[in-house]
Amino acid sequence: MSEDFYCDEALSGRTPVEVVAETEEALAFHHTRPFWPVHIVVVPKRHIPSLTDLGGADEGLLHSVLAVVRQVAGRVETEHGACRVLTNLGRYQDSKHLHFHVAAGEELR
């Protein structure tokens, strides 16, 4: 797997995604290999390595991405009664591109 699935595949269009929400700075889409029944990923459209390493990006971009996370999480919570939001860092972060998982339901795997 690529070090940055989101830039190399999802944002480039090589891997088609089902868009949930989109702004000039962020994209939210259904995970291509969901871990939960509802599993949406929110990513910045610009490469940002992680939550703790913004790679020189202005924190304003992070705020824009988090606004989309809030919007999507609010919708999932309303529709399903609960929701989880998580991000991974360091060796837990499979794709080295900041991303947030917005999910509901019990694990599928």
C-alpha atoms as a PDB file:
ATOM      1  CA  MET A   1       0.000   0.000   0.000  1.00  0.00           C
ATOM      2  CA  SER A   2       1.118   3.540  -0.725  1.00  0.00           C
ATOM      3  CA  GLU A   3       2.354   5.742   2.111  1.00  0.00           C
ATOM      4  CA  ASP A   4      -0.372   8.240   1.114  1.00  0.00           C
ATOM      5  CA  PHE A   5      -3.480   6.508  -0.200  1.00  0.00           C
ATOM      6  CA  TYR A   6      -5.447   9.740  -0.029  1.00  0.00           C
ATOM      7  CA  CYS A   7      -3.206  11.776  -2.365  1.00  0.00           C
ATOM      8  CA  ASP A   8      -2.200   8.880  -4.599  1.00  0.00           C
ATOM      9  CA  GLU A   9      -5.607   7.264  -4.981  1.00  0.00           C
ATOM     10  CA  ALA A  10      -8.673   9.054  -3.571  1.00  0.00           C
ATOM     11  CA  LEU A  11      -7.817  12.688  -4.301  1.00  0.00           C
ATOM     12  CA  SER A  12      -6.212  11.898  -7.659  1.00  0.00           C
ATOM     13  CA  GLY A  13      -9.330  10.072  -8.832  1.00  0.00           C
ATOM     14  CA  ARG A  14      -7.483   6.780  -9.448  1.00  0.00           C
ATOM     15  CA  THR A  15      -9.700   5.117  -6.870  1.00  0.00           C
ATOM     16  CA  PRO A  16     -13.318   6.262  -7.185  1.00  0.00           C
ATOM     17  CA  VAL A  17     -14.940   7.374  -3.936  1.00  0.00           C
ATOM     18  CA  GLU A  18     -18.524   8.071  -2.909  1.00  0.00           C
ATOM     19  CA  VAL A  19     -18.469  11.706  -1.776  1.00  0.00           C
ATOM     20  CA  VAL A  20     -20.424  12.656   1.347  1.00  0.00           C
ATOM     21  CA  ALA A  21     -19.337  16.308   1.637  1.00  0.00           C
ATOM     22  CA  GLU A  22     -16.830  18.536  -0.088  1.00  0.00           C
ATOM     23  CA  THR A  23     -15.421  22.001   0.383  1.00  0.00           C
ATOM     24  CA  GLU A  24     -12.571  23.825  -1.289  1.00  0.00           C
ATOM     25  CA  GLU A  25     -10.187  22.441   1.340  1.00  0.00           C
ATOM     26  CA  ALA A  26     -11.642  19.076   2.444  1.00  0.00           C
ATOM     27  CA  LEU A  27     -13.240  15.929   1.096  1.00  0.00           C
ATOM     28  CA  ALA A  28     -15.458  13.494   3.018  1.00  0.00           C
ATOM     29  CA  PHE A  29     -16.249  10.125   1.460  1.00  0.00           C
ATOM     30  CA  HIS A  30     -17.337   6.607   2.338  1.00  0.00           C
ATOM     31  CA  HIS A  31     -14.317   4.477   3.243  1.00  0.00           C
ATOM     32  CA  THR A  32     -13.334   2.163   0.380  1.00  0.00           C
ATOM     33  CA  ARG A  33     -12.876  -0.755   2.821  1.00  0.00           C
ATOM     34  CA  PRO A  34     -15.184   0.058   5.765  1.00  0.00           C
ATOM     35  CA  PHE A  35     -14.424  -1.162   9.269  1.00  0.00           C
ATOM     36  CA  TRP A  36     -17.856  -0.122  10.602  1.00  0.00           C
ATOM     37  CA  PRO A  37     -21.322  -0.114   8.947  1.00  0.00           C
ATOM     38  CA  VAL A  38     -21.085   3.680   8.672  1.00  0.00           C
ATOM     39  CA  HIS A  39     -17.477   4.629   7.911  1.00  0.00           C
ATOM     40  CA  ILE A  40     -16.692   8.021   6.418  1.00  0.00           C
ATOM     41  CA  VAL A  41     -13.217   9.478   5.971  1.00  0.00           C
ATOM     42  CA  VAL A  42     -12.527  13.224   6.005  1.00  0.00           C
ATOM     43  CA  VAL A  43      -9.233  14.426   4.496  1.00  0.00           C
ATOM     44  CA  PRO A  44      -7.701  17.756   3.569  1.00  0.00           C
ATOM     45  CA  LYS A  45      -7.323  18.125  -0.195  1.00  0.00           C
ATOM     46  CA  ARG A  46      -3.766  19.327   0.384  1.00  0.00           C
ATOM     47  CA  HIS A  47      -1.174  16.921   1.775  1.00  0.00           C
ATOM     48  CA  ILE A  48      -0.812  17.284   5.523  1.00  0.00           C
ATOM     49  CA  PRO A  49       1.209  14.513   7.185  1.00  0.00           C
ATOM     50  CA  SER A  50      -0.772  14.180  10.450  1.00  0.00           C
ATOM     51  CA  LEU A  51      -2.570  15.967  13.256  1.00  0.00           C
ATOM     52  CA  THR A  52       0.734  16.576  15.057  1.00  0.00           C
ATOM     53  CA  ASP A  53       2.708  17.427  11.892  1.00  0.00           C
ATOM     54  CA  LEU A  54       0.896  19.953   9.726  1.00  0.00           C
ATOM     55  CA  GLY A  55       3.798  19.978   7.279  1.00  0.00           C
ATOM     56  CA  GLY A  56       3.937  23.756   7.193  1.00  0.00           C
ATOM     57  CA  ALA A  57       0.210  24.216   6.594  1.00  0.00           C
ATOM     58  CA  ASP A  58      -1.558  27.025   8.383  1.00  0.00           C
ATOM     59  CA  GLU A  59      -3.759  25.956  11.301  1.00  0.00           C
ATOM     60  CA  GLY A  60      -6.635  27.611   9.464  1.00  0.00           C
ATOM     61  CA  LEU A  61      -6.638  24.656   7.072  1.00  0.00           C
ATOM     62  CA  LEU A  62      -6.944  22.292  10.028  1.00  0.00           C
ATOM     63  CA  HIS A  63      -9.916  24.318  11.274  1.00  0.00           C
ATOM     64  CA  SER A  64     -11.558  24.024   7.837  1.00  0.00           C
ATOM     65  CA  VAL A  65     -11.092  20.257   7.841  1.00  0.00           C
ATOM     66  CA  LEU A  66     -12.450  19.982  11.389  1.00  0.00           C
ATOM     67  CA  ALA A  67     -15.526  21.974  10.347  1.00  0.00           C
ATOM     68  CA  VAL A  68     -16.286  19.252   7.784  1.00  0.00           C
ATOM     69  CA  VAL A  69     -15.625  16.567  10.420  1.00  0.00           C
ATOM     70  CA  ARG A  70     -18.153  18.306  12.714  1.00  0.00           C
ATOM     71  CA  GLN A  71     -20.739  18.527   9.938  1.00  0.00           C
ATOM     72  CA  VAL A  72     -20.395  14.877   8.952  1.00  0.00           C
ATOM     73  CA  ALA A  73     -20.270  13.671  12.577  1.00  0.00           C
ATOM     74  CA  GLY A  74     -23.391  15.669  13.408  1.00  0.00           C
ATOM     75  CA  ARG A  75     -25.248  14.075  10.520  1.00  0.00           C
ATOM     76  CA  VAL A  76     -24.105  10.552  11.485  1.00  0.00           C
ATOM     77  CA  GLU A  77     -25.030  11.133  15.134  1.00  0.00           C
ATOM     78  CA  THR A  78     -28.488  12.406  14.161  1.00  0.00           C
ATOM     79  CA  GLU A  79     -29.128   9.492  11.790  1.00  0.00           C
ATOM     80  CA  HIS A  80     -27.660   6.700  13.962  1.00  0.00           C
ATOM     81  CA  GLY A  81     -27.891   8.007  17.544  1.00  0.00           C
ATOM     82  CA  ALA A  82     -24.135   7.809  18.090  1.00  0.00           C
ATOM     83  CA  CYS A  83     -20.843   8.307  16.323  1.00  0.00           C
ATOM     84  CA  ARG A  84     -17.120   8.032  16.849  1.00  0.00           C
ATOM     85  CA  VAL A  85     -14.442  10.321  15.423  1.00  0.00           C
ATOM     86  CA  LEU A  86     -10.832   9.217  15.415  1.00  0.00           C
ATOM     87  CA  THR A  87      -7.485   9.796  13.821  1.00  0.00           C
ATOM     88  CA  ASN A  88      -4.269   7.794  14.075  1.00  0.00           C
ATOM     89  CA  LEU A  89      -0.712   8.963  14.662  1.00  0.00           C
ATOM     90  CA  GLY A  90       2.745   7.479  14.289  1.00  0.00           C
ATOM     91  CA  ARG A  91       2.902   3.777  13.493  1.00  0.00           C
ATOM     92  CA  TYR A  92      -0.901   3.517  13.876  1.00  0.00           C
ATOM     93  CA  GLN A  93      -1.341   5.827  10.883  1.00  0.00           C
ATOM     94  CA  ASP A  94      -1.386   3.529   7.816  1.00  0.00           C
ATOM     95  CA  SER A  95      -1.680   6.348   5.301  1.00  0.00           C
ATOM     96  CA  LYS A  96       0.640   9.264   6.036  1.00  0.00           C
ATOM     97  CA  HIS A  97      -1.978  11.906   5.224  1.00  0.00           C
ATOM     98  CA  LEU A  98      -4.112  13.549   7.897  1.00  0.00           C
ATOM     99  CA  HIS A  99      -7.500  11.857   7.962  1.00  0.00           C
ATOM    100  CA  PHE A 100     -10.389  11.488  10.349  1.00  0.00           C
ATOM    101  CA  HIS A 101     -12.685   8.482  10.553  1.00  0.00           C
ATOM    102  CA  VAL A 102     -16.329   9.249  11.319  1.00  0.00           C
ATOM    103  CA  ALA A 103     -18.065   5.988  12.120  1.00  0.00           C
ATOM    104  CA  ALA A 104     -21.086   4.331  13.682  1.00  0.00           C
ATOM    105  CA  GLY A 105     -22.033   0.759  14.488  1.00  0.00           C
ATOM    106  CA  GLU A 106     -20.132  -2.313  15.571  1.00  0.00           C
ATOM    107  CA  GLU A 107     -16.914  -3.426  13.862  1.00  0.00           C
ATOM    108  CA  LEU A 108     -17.449  -5.422  10.682  1.00  0.00           C
ATOM    109  CA  ARG A 109     -14.190  -7.375  10.959  1.00  0.00           C
END
